[in-house]
Amino acid sequence: QVQLVESGGGLVQAGGSLRLSCTASGSTGSFNAMGWYRQAPGKERELVADVSRGGMTNYADSVKGRFTISRDGALKTVYLQMDSLKLEDTAVYYCNARRPLPPTTVQYWGQGTQVTVSS
């Protein structure tokens, strides 16, 4: 049983910073990546950033240069440092972990944490 627990969301003014954390428990040794997605009201869930077990990172164009994803060595905890926040970053942010199960991939999700950016 895998569980992802997020923390660090909240209310911040535009231009400010927040740091999200996500810690996984259970059978985490098989993860090949962890990351963050977000979903704004009326919009589809979208990838924000992810990091592979090998350390490769991937960012949505909208957050490049402002957000930084990092991880612990065991790939059990992942962080998202969010700087220069914009109103359009307001969303529920979900932690995600992926495990290969050929021919498919199993995905795990956290419960979500609200990030609200105010003017």
PDB file of N, CA and C in Angstrom:
ATOM      1  N   GLN A   1       0.848  -1.191   0.000  1.00  0.00           N
ATOM      2  CA  GLN A   1       0.000   0.000   0.000  1.00  0.00           C
ATOM      3  C   GLN A   1       0.883   1.241   0.000  1.00  0.00           C
ATOM      4  N   VAL A   2       0.708   2.088  -0.987  1.00  0.00           N
ATOM      5  CA  VAL A   2       1.489   3.310  -1.106  1.00  0.00           C
ATOM      6  C   VAL A   2       0.618   4.487  -0.685  1.00  0.00           C
ATOM      7  N   GLN A   3       1.192   5.362   0.093  1.00  0.00           N
ATOM      8  CA  GLN A   3       0.487   6.578   0.492  1.00  0.00           C
ATOM      9  C   GLN A   3       1.395   7.782   0.259  1.00  0.00           C
ATOM     10  N   LEU A   4       0.839   8.828  -0.327  1.00  0.00           N
ATOM     11  CA  LEU A   4       1.564  10.073  -0.549  1.00  0.00           C
ATOM     12  C   LEU A   4       0.900  11.156   0.293  1.00  0.00           C
ATOM     13  N   VAL A   5       1.705  11.841   1.098  1.00  0.00           N
ATOM     14  CA  VAL A   5       1.175  12.877   1.970  1.00  0.00           C
ATOM     15  C   VAL A   5       1.860  14.194   1.646  1.00  0.00           C
ATOM     16  N   GLU A   6       1.048  15.176   1.270  1.00  0.00           N
ATOM     17  CA  GLU A   6       1.566  16.488   0.884  1.00  0.00           C
ATOM     18  C   GLU A   6       1.428  17.488   2.024  1.00  0.00           C
ATOM     19  N   SER A   7       2.268  18.498   1.980  1.00  0.00           N
ATOM     20  CA  SER A   7       2.153  19.611   2.917  1.00  0.00           C
ATOM     21  C   SER A   7       2.762  20.848   2.279  1.00  0.00           C
ATOM     22  N   GLY A   8       2.426  22.005   2.842  1.00  0.00           N
ATOM     23  CA  GLY A   8       3.073  23.238   2.420  1.00  0.00           C
ATOM     24  C   GLY A   8       2.233  24.184   1.604  1.00  0.00           C
ATOM     25  N   GLY A   9       1.021  23.817   1.261  1.00  0.00           N
ATOM     26  CA  GLY A   9       0.191  24.739   0.505  1.00  0.00           C
ATOM     27  C   GLY A   9      -0.279  25.893   1.373  1.00  0.00           C
ATOM     28  N   GLY A  10      -0.968  26.848   0.745  1.00  0.00           N
ATOM     29  CA  GLY A  10      -1.483  27.972   1.500  1.00  0.00           C
ATOM     30  C   GLY A  10      -1.776  29.163   0.631  1.00  0.00           C
ATOM     31  N   LEU A  11      -1.926  30.303   1.291  1.00  0.00           N
ATOM     32  CA  LEU A  11      -2.232  31.563   0.619  1.00  0.00           C
ATOM     33  C   LEU A  11      -0.981  32.433   0.596  1.00  0.00           C
ATOM     34  N   VAL A  12      -0.679  32.978  -0.565  1.00  0.00           N
ATOM     35  CA  VAL A  12       0.509  33.810  -0.712  1.00  0.00           C
ATOM     36  C   VAL A  12       0.206  34.920  -1.710  1.00  0.00           C
ATOM     37  N   GLN A  13       0.858  36.048  -1.533  1.00  0.00           N
ATOM     38  CA  GLN A  13       0.677  37.140  -2.477  1.00  0.00           C
ATOM     39  C   GLN A  13       1.481  36.895  -3.751  1.00  0.00           C
ATOM     40  N   ALA A  14       1.027  37.468  -4.813  1.00  0.00           N
ATOM     41  CA  ALA A  14       1.762  37.370  -6.080  1.00  0.00           C
ATOM     42  C   ALA A  14       3.188  37.865  -5.879  1.00  0.00           C
ATOM     43  N   GLY A  15       4.122  37.111  -6.457  1.00  0.00           N
ATOM     44  CA  GLY A  15       5.538  37.419  -6.289  1.00  0.00           C
ATOM     45  C   GLY A  15       6.184  36.695  -5.132  1.00  0.00           C
ATOM     46  N   GLY A  16       5.371  36.082  -4.289  1.00  0.00           N
ATOM     47  CA  GLY A  16       5.887  35.378  -3.131  1.00  0.00           C
ATOM     48  C   GLY A  16       6.316  33.956  -3.448  1.00  0.00           C
ATOM     49  N   SER A  17       6.634  33.223  -2.378  1.00  0.00           N
ATOM     50  CA  SER A  17       7.153  31.861  -2.518  1.00  0.00           C
ATOM     51  C   SER A  17       6.423  30.907  -1.587  1.00  0.00           C
ATOM     52  N   LEU A  18       6.376  29.660  -2.003  1.00  0.00           N
ATOM     53  CA  LEU A  18       5.889  28.558  -1.183  1.00  0.00           C
ATOM     54  C   LEU A  18       6.735  27.339  -1.491  1.00  0.00           C
ATOM     55  N   ARG A  19       6.795  26.441  -0.524  1.00  0.00           N
ATOM     56  CA  ARG A  19       7.501  25.181  -0.733  1.00  0.00           C
ATOM     57  C   ARG A  19       6.576  24.042  -0.369  1.00  0.00           C
ATOM     58  N   LEU A  20       6.352  23.162  -1.325  1.00  0.00           N
ATOM     59  CA  LEU A  20       5.530  21.984  -1.109  1.00  0.00           C
ATOM     60  C   LEU A  20       6.424  20.784  -0.832  1.00  0.00           C
ATOM     61  N   SER A  21       5.931  19.903   0.023  1.00  0.00           N
ATOM     62  CA  SER A  21       6.633  18.663   0.318  1.00  0.00           C
ATOM     63  C   SER A  21       5.682  17.494   0.142  1.00  0.00           C
ATOM     64  N   CYS A  22       6.236  16.375  -0.246  1.00  0.00           N
ATOM     65  CA  CYS A  22       5.447  15.151  -0.394  1.00  0.00           C
ATOM     66  C   CYS A  22       6.309  13.986   0.060  1.00  0.00           C
ATOM     67  N   THR A  23       5.787  13.221   0.991  1.00  0.00           N
ATOM     68  CA  THR A  23       6.499  12.051   1.492  1.00  0.00           C
ATOM     69  C   THR A  23       5.684  10.804   1.216  1.00  0.00           C
ATOM     70  N   ALA A  24       6.359   9.817   0.653  1.00  0.00           N
ATOM     71  CA  ALA A  24       5.708   8.563   0.315  1.00  0.00           C
ATOM     72  C   ALA A  24       6.018   7.502   1.356  1.00  0.00           C
ATOM     73  N   SER A  25       5.059   6.643   1.600  1.00  0.00           N
ATOM     74  CA  SER A  25       5.266   5.506   2.490  1.00  0.00           C
ATOM     75  C   SER A  25       4.753   4.256   1.796  1.00  0.00           C
ATOM     76  N   GLY A  26       5.222   3.119   2.263  1.00  0.00           N
ATOM     77  CA  GLY A  26       4.833   1.868   1.638  1.00  0.00           C
ATOM     78  C   GLY A  26       5.917   1.385   0.697  1.00  0.00           C
ATOM     79  N   SER A  27       5.512   0.736  -0.370  1.00  0.00           N
ATOM     80  CA  SER A  27       6.459   0.135  -1.318  1.00  0.00           C
ATOM     81  C   SER A  27       6.980   1.178  -2.293  1.00  0.00           C
ATOM     82  N   THR A  28       7.887   1.994  -1.821  1.00  0.00           N
ATOM     83  CA  THR A  28       8.387   3.101  -2.639  1.00  0.00           C
ATOM     84  C   THR A  28       9.606   2.726  -3.456  1.00  0.00           C
ATOM     85  N   GLY A  29      10.212   1.599  -3.176  1.00  0.00           N
ATOM     86  CA  GLY A  29      11.453   1.236  -3.854  1.00  0.00           C
ATOM     87  C   GLY A  29      11.306   1.015  -5.349  1.00  0.00           C
ATOM     88  N   SER A  30      10.086   0.811  -5.792  1.00  0.00           N
ATOM     89  CA  SER A  30       9.871   0.546  -7.212  1.00  0.00           C
ATOM     90  C   SER A  30       9.515   1.799  -8.010  1.00  0.00           C
ATOM     91  N   PHE A  31       9.430   2.943  -7.340  1.00  0.00           N
ATOM     92  CA  PHE A  31       9.122   4.170  -8.071  1.00  0.00           C
ATOM     93  C   PHE A  31      10.234   4.463  -9.075  1.00  0.00           C
ATOM     94  N   ASN A  32       9.868   4.940 -10.259  1.00  0.00           N
ATOM     95  CA  ASN A  32      10.895   5.427 -11.170  1.00  0.00           C
ATOM     96  C   ASN A  32      10.815   6.944 -11.348  1.00  0.00           C
ATOM     97  N   ALA A  33       9.802   7.567 -10.770  1.00  0.00           N
ATOM     98  CA  ALA A  33       9.696   9.030 -10.826  1.00  0.00           C
ATOM     99  C   ALA A  33       8.681   9.514  -9.810  1.00  0.00           C
ATOM    100  N   MET A  34       8.859  10.746  -9.371  1.00  0.00           N
ATOM    101  CA  MET A  34       7.865  11.441  -8.565  1.00  0.00           C
ATOM    102  C   MET A  34       7.730  12.847  -9.104  1.00  0.00           C
ATOM    103  N   GLY A  35       6.591  13.452  -8.832  1.00  0.00           N
ATOM    104  CA  GLY A  35       6.412  14.796  -9.347  1.00  0.00           C
ATOM    105  C   GLY A  35       5.185  15.473  -8.793  1.00  0.00           C
ATOM    106  N   TRP A  36       4.868  16.597  -9.396  1.00  0.00           N
ATOM    107  CA  TRP A  36       3.742  17.426  -8.994  1.00  0.00           C
ATOM    108  C   TRP A  36       2.876  17.758 -10.198  1.00  0.00           C
ATOM    109  N   TYR A  37       1.588  17.638  -9.999  1.00  0.00           N
ATOM    110  CA  TYR A  37       0.597  18.071 -10.967  1.00  0.00           C
ATOM    111  C   TYR A  37      -0.266  19.132 -10.283  1.00  0.00           C
ATOM    112  N   ARG A  38      -1.012  19.859 -11.082  1.00  0.00           N
ATOM    113  CA  ARG A  38      -1.946  20.814 -10.507  1.00  0.00           C
ATOM    114  C   ARG A  38      -3.222  20.860 -11.341  1.00  0.00           C
ATOM    115  N   GLN A  39      -4.291  21.265 -10.652  1.00  0.00           N
ATOM    116  CA  GLN A  39      -5.575  21.386 -11.324  1.00  0.00           C
ATOM    117  C   GLN A  39      -6.272  22.637 -10.825  1.00  0.00           C
ATOM    118  N   ALA A  40      -6.506  23.548 -11.742  1.00  0.00           N
ATOM    119  CA  ALA A  40      -7.228  24.778 -11.431  1.00  0.00           C
ATOM    120  C   ALA A  40      -8.715  24.558 -11.714  1.00  0.00           C
ATOM    121  N   PRO A  41      -9.577  25.334 -11.118  1.00  0.00           N
ATOM    122  CA  PRO A  41     -11.020  25.173 -11.340  1.00  0.00           C
ATOM    123  C   PRO A  41     -11.371  25.258 -12.822  1.00  0.00           C
ATOM    124  N   GLY A  42     -12.116  24.270 -13.286  1.00  0.00           N
ATOM    125  CA  GLY A  42     -12.554  24.259 -14.673  1.00  0.00           C
ATOM    126  C   GLY A  42     -11.504  23.822 -15.670  1.00  0.00           C
ATOM    127  N   LYS A  43     -10.338  23.434 -15.171  1.00  0.00           N
ATOM    128  CA  LYS A  43      -9.257  23.019 -16.070  1.00  0.00           C
ATOM    129  C   LYS A  43      -8.855  21.584 -15.788  1.00  0.00           C
ATOM    130  N   GLU A  44      -8.154  21.004 -16.771  1.00  0.00           N
ATOM    131  CA  GLU A  44      -7.659  19.645 -16.584  1.00  0.00           C
ATOM    132  C   GLU A  44      -6.407  19.646 -15.710  1.00  0.00           C
ATOM    133  N   ARG A  45      -6.159  18.500 -15.102  1.00  0.00           N
ATOM    134  CA  ARG A  45      -4.940  18.348 -14.327  1.00  0.00           C
ATOM    135  C   ARG A  45      -3.748  18.378 -15.278  1.00  0.00           C
ATOM    136  N   GLU A  46      -2.701  19.103 -14.887  1.00  0.00           N
ATOM    137  CA  GLU A  46      -1.529  19.232 -15.736  1.00  0.00           C
ATOM    138  C   GLU A  46      -0.248  18.979 -14.954  1.00  0.00           C
ATOM    139  N   LEU A  47       0.755  18.494 -15.664  1.00  0.00           N
ATOM    140  CA  LEU A  47       2.061  18.281 -15.051  1.00  0.00           C
ATOM    141  C   LEU A  47       2.705  19.627 -14.761  1.00  0.00           C
ATOM    142  N   VAL A  48       3.250  19.749 -13.561  1.00  0.00           N
ATOM    143  CA  VAL A  48       4.028  20.929 -13.185  1.00  0.00           C
ATOM    144  C   VAL A  48       5.513  20.612 -13.316  1.00  0.00           C
ATOM    145  N   ALA A  49       5.937  19.548 -12.670  1.00  0.00           N
ATOM    146  CA  ALA A  49       7.340  19.151 -12.711  1.00  0.00           C
ATOM    147  C   ALA A  49       7.459  17.721 -12.203  1.00  0.00           C
ATOM    148  N   ASP A  50       8.457  17.015 -12.713  1.00  0.00           N
ATOM    149  CA  ASP A  50       8.745  15.704 -12.148  1.00  0.00           C
ATOM    150  C   ASP A  50      10.237  15.447 -12.167  1.00  0.00           C
ATOM    151  N   VAL A  51      10.628  14.437 -11.404  1.00  0.00           N
ATOM    152  CA  VAL A  51      12.040  14.072 -11.302  1.00  0.00           C
ATOM    153  C   VAL A  51      12.134  12.560 -11.300  1.00  0.00           C
ATOM    154  N   SER A  52      13.083  12.046 -12.057  1.00  0.00           N
ATOM    155  CA  SER A  52      13.241  10.600 -12.163  1.00  0.00           C
ATOM    156  C   SER A  52      14.157  10.076 -11.062  1.00  0.00           C
ATOM    157  N   ARG A  53      14.179   8.765 -10.931  1.00  0.00           N
ATOM    158  CA  ARG A  53      15.087   8.156  -9.957  1.00  0.00           C
ATOM    159  C   ARG A  53      16.528   8.530 -10.290  1.00  0.00           C
ATOM    160  N   GLY A  54      16.819   8.678 -11.561  1.00  0.00           N
ATOM    161  CA  GLY A  54      18.176   9.059 -11.968  1.00  0.00           C
ATOM    162  C   GLY A  54      18.474  10.544 -11.811  1.00  0.00           C
ATOM    163  N   GLY A  55      17.476  11.329 -11.434  1.00  0.00           N
ATOM    164  CA  GLY A  55      17.699  12.748 -11.177  1.00  0.00           C
ATOM    165  C   GLY A  55      17.330  13.680 -12.307  1.00  0.00           C
ATOM    166  N   MET A  56      16.810  13.144 -13.395  1.00  0.00           N
ATOM    167  CA  MET A  56      16.410  14.015 -14.497  1.00  0.00           C
ATOM    168  C   MET A  56      15.115  14.728 -14.144  1.00  0.00           C
ATOM    169  N   THR A  57      15.071  16.031 -14.454  1.00  0.00           N
ATOM    170  CA  THR A  57      13.898  16.830 -14.136  1.00  0.00           C
ATOM    171  C   THR A  57      13.194  17.284 -15.408  1.00  0.00           C
ATOM    172  N   ASN A  58      11.931  17.560 -15.247  1.00  0.00           N
ATOM    173  CA  ASN A  58      11.087  17.993 -16.358  1.00  0.00           C
ATOM    174  C   ASN A  58      10.105  19.022 -15.814  1.00  0.00           C
ATOM    175  N   TYR A  59       9.955  20.147 -16.529  1.00  0.00           N
ATOM    176  CA  TYR A  59       9.093  21.226 -16.057  1.00  0.00           C
ATOM    177  C   TYR A  59       8.106  21.641 -17.137  1.00  0.00           C
ATOM    178  N   ALA A  60       6.940  22.047 -16.712  1.00  0.00           N
ATOM    179  CA  ALA A  60       6.017  22.700 -17.632  1.00  0.00           C
ATOM    180  C   ALA A  60       6.620  24.047 -18.035  1.00  0.00           C
ATOM    181  N   ASP A  61       6.384  24.451 -19.267  1.00  0.00           N
ATOM    182  CA  ASP A  61       6.937  25.716 -19.741  1.00  0.00           C
ATOM    183  C   ASP A  61       6.499  26.891 -18.866  1.00  0.00           C
ATOM    184  N   SER A  62       5.307  26.813 -18.341  1.00  0.00           N
ATOM    185  CA  SER A  62       4.753  27.927 -17.579  1.00  0.00           C
ATOM    186  C   SER A  62       5.450  28.159 -16.241  1.00  0.00           C
ATOM    187  N   VAL A  63       6.215  27.172 -15.777  1.00  0.00           N
ATOM    188  CA  VAL A  63       6.873  27.314 -14.471  1.00  0.00           C
ATOM    189  C   VAL A  63       8.392  27.316 -14.567  1.00  0.00           C
ATOM    190  N   LYS A  64       8.926  27.105 -15.753  1.00  0.00           N
ATOM    191  CA  LYS A  64      10.384  27.069 -15.911  1.00  0.00           C
ATOM    192  C   LYS A  64      11.000  28.388 -15.446  1.00  0.00           C
ATOM    193  N   GLY A  65      12.064  28.263 -14.669  1.00  0.00           N
ATOM    194  CA  GLY A  65      12.741  29.443 -14.151  1.00  0.00           C
ATOM    195  C   GLY A  65      12.143  29.980 -12.861  1.00  0.00           C
ATOM    196  N   ARG A  66      10.970  29.479 -12.483  1.00  0.00           N
ATOM    197  CA  ARG A  66      10.322  29.948 -11.242  1.00  0.00           C
ATOM    198  C   ARG A  66      10.188  28.834 -10.212  1.00  0.00           C
ATOM    199  N   PHE A  67       9.953  27.614 -10.666  1.00  0.00           N
ATOM    200  CA  PHE A  67       9.763  26.474  -9.768  1.00  0.00           C
ATOM    201  C   PHE A  67      10.976  25.549  -9.857  1.00  0.00           C
ATOM    202  N   THR A  68      11.282  24.909  -8.731  1.00  0.00           N
ATOM    203  CA  THR A  68      12.376  23.947  -8.702  1.00  0.00           C
ATOM    204  C   THR A  68      11.924  22.704  -7.967  1.00  0.00           C
ATOM    205  N   ILE A  69      12.069  21.568  -8.611  1.00  0.00           N
ATOM    206  CA  ILE A  69      11.734  20.301  -7.986  1.00  0.00           C
ATOM    207  C   ILE A  69      13.022  19.655  -7.487  1.00  0.00           C
ATOM    208  N   SER A  70      12.924  19.033  -6.321  1.00  0.00           N
ATOM    209  CA  SER A  70      14.073  18.314  -5.775  1.00  0.00           C
ATOM    210  C   SER A  70      13.569  17.082  -5.043  1.00  0.00           C
ATOM    211  N   ARG A  71      14.469  16.206  -4.669  1.00  0.00           N
ATOM    212  CA  ARG A  71      14.089  14.925  -4.081  1.00  0.00           C
ATOM    213  C   ARG A  71      15.158  14.472  -3.095  1.00  0.00           C
ATOM    214  N   ASP A  72      14.778  13.536  -2.261  1.00  0.00           N
ATOM    215  CA  ASP A  72      15.782  12.911  -1.412  1.00  0.00           C
ATOM    216  C   ASP A  72      16.408  11.752  -2.182  1.00  0.00           C
ATOM    217  N   GLY A  73      17.474  11.187  -1.625  1.00  0.00           N
ATOM    218  CA  GLY A  73      18.205  10.167  -2.349  1.00  0.00           C
ATOM    219  C   GLY A  73      17.425   8.885  -2.580  1.00  0.00           C
ATOM    220  N   ALA A  74      16.506   8.586  -1.686  1.00  0.00           N
ATOM    221  CA  ALA A  74      15.751   7.341  -1.780  1.00  0.00           C
ATOM    222  C   ALA A  74      14.505   7.473  -2.638  1.00  0.00           C
ATOM    223  N   LEU A  75      14.242   8.667  -3.144  1.00  0.00           N
ATOM    224  CA  LEU A  75      13.010   8.953  -3.895  1.00  0.00           C
ATOM    225  C   LEU A  75      11.790   8.555  -3.069  1.00  0.00           C
ATOM    226  N   LYS A  76      11.794   9.048  -1.839  1.00  0.00           N
ATOM    227  CA  LYS A  76      10.615   8.904  -0.990  1.00  0.00           C
ATOM    228  C   LYS A  76       9.986  10.254  -0.697  1.00  0.00           C
ATOM    229  N   THR A  77      10.780  11.303  -0.841  1.00  0.00           N
ATOM    230  CA  THR A  77      10.294  12.654  -0.582  1.00  0.00           C
ATOM    231  C   THR A  77      10.648  13.541  -1.766  1.00  0.00           C
ATOM    232  N   VAL A  78       9.693  14.344  -2.162  1.00  0.00           N
ATOM    233  CA  VAL A  78       9.920  15.271  -3.252  1.00  0.00           C
ATOM    234  C   VAL A  78       9.424  16.647  -2.815  1.00  0.00           C
ATOM    235  N   TYR A  79      10.145  17.656  -3.256  1.00  0.00           N
ATOM    236  CA  TYR A  79       9.822  19.029  -2.885  1.00  0.00           C
ATOM    237  C   TYR A  79       9.556  19.851  -4.141  1.00  0.00           C
ATOM    238  N   LEU A  80       8.766  20.892  -3.975  1.00  0.00           N
ATOM    239  CA  LEU A  80       8.560  21.837  -5.059  1.00  0.00           C
ATOM    240  C   LEU A  80       8.712  23.239  -4.482  1.00  0.00           C
ATOM    241  N   GLN A  81       9.813  23.878  -4.823  1.00  0.00           N
ATOM    242  CA  GLN A  81      10.033  25.258  -4.421  1.00  0.00           C
ATOM    243  C   GLN A  81       9.413  26.152  -5.487  1.00  0.00           C
ATOM    244  N   MET A  82       8.468  26.969  -5.069  1.00  0.00           N
ATOM    245  CA  MET A  82       7.739  27.822  -6.005  1.00  0.00           C
ATOM    246  C   MET A  82       8.054  29.277  -5.686  1.00  0.00           C
ATOM    247  N   ASP A  83       8.720  29.943  -6.586  1.00  0.00           N
ATOM    248  CA  ASP A  83       9.084  31.348  -6.427  1.00  0.00           C
ATOM    249  C   ASP A  83       8.387  32.191  -7.493  1.00  0.00           C
ATOM    250  N   SER A  84       8.359  33.483  -7.245  1.00  0.00           N
ATOM    251  CA  SER A  84       7.723  34.414  -8.197  1.00  0.00           C
ATOM    252  C   SER A  84       6.336  33.941  -8.592  1.00  0.00           C
ATOM    253  N   LEU A  85       5.560  33.584  -7.607  1.00  0.00           N
ATOM    254  CA  LEU A  85       4.231  33.024  -7.872  1.00  0.00           C
ATOM    255  C   LEU A  85       3.324  34.042  -8.554  1.00  0.00           C
ATOM    256  N   LYS A  86       2.508  33.523  -9.454  1.00  0.00           N
ATOM    257  CA  LYS A  86       1.564  34.331 -10.218  1.00  0.00           C
ATOM    258  C   LYS A  86       0.138  33.911  -9.884  1.00  0.00           C
ATOM    259  N   LEU A  87      -0.798  34.799 -10.198  1.00  0.00           N
ATOM    260  CA  LEU A  87      -2.199  34.484  -9.941  1.00  0.00           C
ATOM    261  C   LEU A  87      -2.595  33.173 -10.613  1.00  0.00           C
ATOM    262  N   GLU A  88      -2.056  32.936 -11.801  1.00  0.00           N
ATOM    263  CA  GLU A  88      -2.431  31.741 -12.553  1.00  0.00           C
ATOM    264  C   GLU A  88      -1.824  30.461 -11.997  1.00  0.00           C
ATOM    265  N   ASP A  89      -1.004  30.558 -10.979  1.00  0.00           N
ATOM    266  CA  ASP A  89      -0.492  29.360 -10.317  1.00  0.00           C
ATOM    267  C   ASP A  89      -1.489  28.818  -9.286  1.00  0.00           C
ATOM    268  N   THR A  90      -2.550  29.553  -9.049  1.00  0.00           N
ATOM    269  CA  THR A  90      -3.573  29.099  -8.105  1.00  0.00           C
ATOM    270  C   THR A  90      -4.196  27.794  -8.588  1.00  0.00           C
ATOM    271  N   ALA A  91      -4.145  26.778  -7.739  1.00  0.00           N
ATOM    272  CA  ALA A  91      -4.648  25.456  -8.106  1.00  0.00           C
ATOM    273  C   ALA A  91      -4.511  24.526  -6.913  1.00  0.00           C
ATOM    274  N   VAL A  92      -5.097  23.351  -7.052  1.00  0.00           N
ATOM    275  CA  VAL A  92      -4.803  22.264  -6.125  1.00  0.00           C
ATOM    276  C   VAL A  92      -3.604  21.510  -6.701  1.00  0.00           C
ATOM    277  N   TYR A  93      -2.591  21.341  -5.887  1.00  0.00           N
ATOM    278  CA  TYR A  93      -1.367  20.679  -6.317  1.00  0.00           C
ATOM    279  C   TYR A  93      -1.357  19.250  -5.767  1.00  0.00           C
ATOM    280  N   TYR A  94      -1.099  18.305  -6.657  1.00  0.00           N
ATOM    281  CA  TYR A  94      -1.127  16.891  -6.306  1.00  0.00           C
ATOM    282  C   TYR A  94       0.259  16.278  -6.472  1.00  0.00           C
ATOM    283  N   CYS A  95       0.665  15.547  -5.470  1.00  0.00           N
ATOM    284  CA  CYS A  95       1.886  14.764  -5.573  1.00  0.00           C
ATOM    285  C   CYS A  95       1.597  13.497  -6.363  1.00  0.00           C
ATOM    286  N   ASN A  96       2.560  13.082  -7.148  1.00  0.00           N
ATOM    287  CA  ASN A  96       2.399  11.902  -8.003  1.00  0.00           C
ATOM    288  C   ASN A  96       3.644  11.029  -7.934  1.00  0.00           C
ATOM    289  N   ALA A  97       3.441   9.739  -7.947  1.00  0.00           N
ATOM    290  CA  ALA A  97       4.558   8.795  -8.028  1.00  0.00           C
ATOM    291  C   ALA A  97       4.203   7.744  -9.069  1.00  0.00           C
ATOM    292  N   ARG A  98       5.221   7.290  -9.781  1.00  0.00           N
ATOM    293  CA  ARG A  98       4.971   6.328 -10.863  1.00  0.00           C
ATOM    294  C   ARG A  98       5.847   5.093 -10.676  1.00  0.00           C
ATOM    295  N   ARG A  99       5.259   3.960 -10.995  1.00  0.00           N
ATOM    296  CA  ARG A  99       5.951   2.671 -10.909  1.00  0.00           C
ATOM    297  C   ARG A  99       5.698   1.922 -12.204  1.00  0.00           C
ATOM    298  N   PRO A 100       6.776   1.488 -12.871  1.00  0.00           N
ATOM    299  CA  PRO A 100       6.559   0.722 -14.111  1.00  0.00           C
ATOM    300  C   PRO A 100       5.983  -0.633 -13.810  1.00  0.00           C
ATOM    301  N   LEU A 101       4.999  -1.014 -14.603  1.00  0.00           N
ATOM    302  CA  LEU A 101       4.396  -2.344 -14.534  1.00  0.00           C
ATOM    303  C   LEU A 101       4.096  -2.727 -15.975  1.00  0.00           C
ATOM    304  N   PRO A 102       5.136  -3.182 -16.692  1.00  0.00           N
ATOM    305  CA  PRO A 102       4.965  -3.429 -18.128  1.00  0.00           C
ATOM    306  C   PRO A 102       3.758  -4.303 -18.434  1.00  0.00           C
ATOM    307  N   PRO A 103       3.004  -3.916 -19.419  1.00  0.00           N
ATOM    308  CA  PRO A 103       3.247  -2.858 -20.406  1.00  0.00           C
ATOM    309  C   PRO A 103       2.710  -1.492 -19.990  1.00  0.00           C
ATOM    310  N   THR A 104       2.348  -1.307 -18.751  1.00  0.00           N
ATOM    311  CA  THR A 104       1.760  -0.034 -18.361  1.00  0.00           C
ATOM    312  C   THR A 104       2.555   0.573 -17.208  1.00  0.00           C
ATOM    313  N   THR A 105       2.017   1.653 -16.634  1.00  0.00           N
ATOM    314  CA  THR A 105       2.623   2.325 -15.492  1.00  0.00           C
ATOM    315  C   THR A 105       1.560   2.527 -14.434  1.00  0.00           C
ATOM    316  N   VAL A 106       1.894   2.240 -13.210  1.00  0.00           N
ATOM    317  CA  VAL A 106       0.970   2.461 -12.103  1.00  0.00           C
ATOM    318  C   VAL A 106       1.257   3.841 -11.521  1.00  0.00           C
ATOM    319  N   GLN A 107       0.213   4.612 -11.310  1.00  0.00           N
ATOM    320  CA  GLN A 107       0.382   5.950 -10.752  1.00  0.00           C
ATOM    321  C   GLN A 107      -0.297   6.031  -9.387  1.00  0.00           C
ATOM    322  N   TYR A 108       0.331   6.757  -8.506  1.00  0.00           N
ATOM    323  CA  TYR A 108      -0.202   7.009  -7.171  1.00  0.00           C
ATOM    324  C   TYR A 108      -0.349   8.522  -7.001  1.00  0.00           C
ATOM    325  N   TRP A 109      -1.367   8.912  -6.234  1.00  0.00           N
ATOM    326  CA  TRP A 109      -1.669  10.332  -6.051  1.00  0.00           C
ATOM    327  C   TRP A 109      -1.850  10.662  -4.581  1.00  0.00           C
ATOM    328  N   GLY A 110      -1.411  11.869  -4.234  1.00  0.00           N
ATOM    329  CA  GLY A 110      -1.719  12.397  -2.926  1.00  0.00           C
ATOM    330  C   GLY A 110      -3.116  12.993  -2.912  1.00  0.00           C
ATOM    331  N   GLN A 111      -3.505  13.500  -1.766  1.00  0.00           N
ATOM    332  CA  GLN A 111      -4.855  14.025  -1.612  1.00  0.00           C
ATOM    333  C   GLN A 111      -4.994  15.443  -2.152  1.00  0.00           C
ATOM    334  N   GLY A 112      -3.876  16.092  -2.404  1.00  0.00           N
ATOM    335  CA  GLY A 112      -3.895  17.450  -2.935  1.00  0.00           C
ATOM    336  C   GLY A 112      -3.741  18.498  -1.846  1.00  0.00           C
ATOM    337  N   THR A 113      -3.075  19.587  -2.210  1.00  0.00           N
ATOM    338  CA  THR A 113      -2.916  20.712  -1.302  1.00  0.00           C
ATOM    339  C   THR A 113      -3.203  22.003  -2.085  1.00  0.00           C
ATOM    340  N   GLN A 114      -3.986  22.868  -1.482  1.00  0.00           N
ATOM    341  CA  GLN A 114      -4.420  24.086  -2.168  1.00  0.00           C
ATOM    342  C   GLN A 114      -3.329  25.147  -2.121  1.00  0.00           C
ATOM    343  N   VAL A 115      -3.049  25.727  -3.272  1.00  0.00           N
ATOM    344  CA  VAL A 115      -2.176  26.893  -3.370  1.00  0.00           C
ATOM    345  C   VAL A 115      -3.005  28.030  -3.956  1.00  0.00           C
ATOM    346  N   THR A 116      -3.089  29.111  -3.223  1.00  0.00           N
ATOM    347  CA  THR A 116      -3.851  30.272  -3.673  1.00  0.00           C
ATOM    348  C   THR A 116      -2.927  31.481  -3.713  1.00  0.00           C
ATOM    349  N   VAL A 117      -2.837  32.098  -4.876  1.00  0.00           N
ATOM    350  CA  VAL A 117      -2.009  33.289  -5.054  1.00  0.00           C
ATOM    351  C   VAL A 117      -2.937  34.485  -5.202  1.00  0.00           C
ATOM    352  N   SER A 118      -2.745  35.474  -4.351  1.00  0.00           N
ATOM    353  CA  SER A 118      -3.615  36.653  -4.357  1.00  0.00           C
ATOM    354  C   SER A 118      -2.876  37.866  -4.883  1.00  0.00           C
ATOM    355  N   SER A 119      -3.650  38.833  -5.340  1.00  0.00           N
ATOM    356  CA  SER A 119      -3.027  40.063  -5.886  1.00  0.00           C
ATOM    357  C   SER A 119      -2.784  41.083  -4.799  1.00  0.00           C
TER     358      SER A 119
END
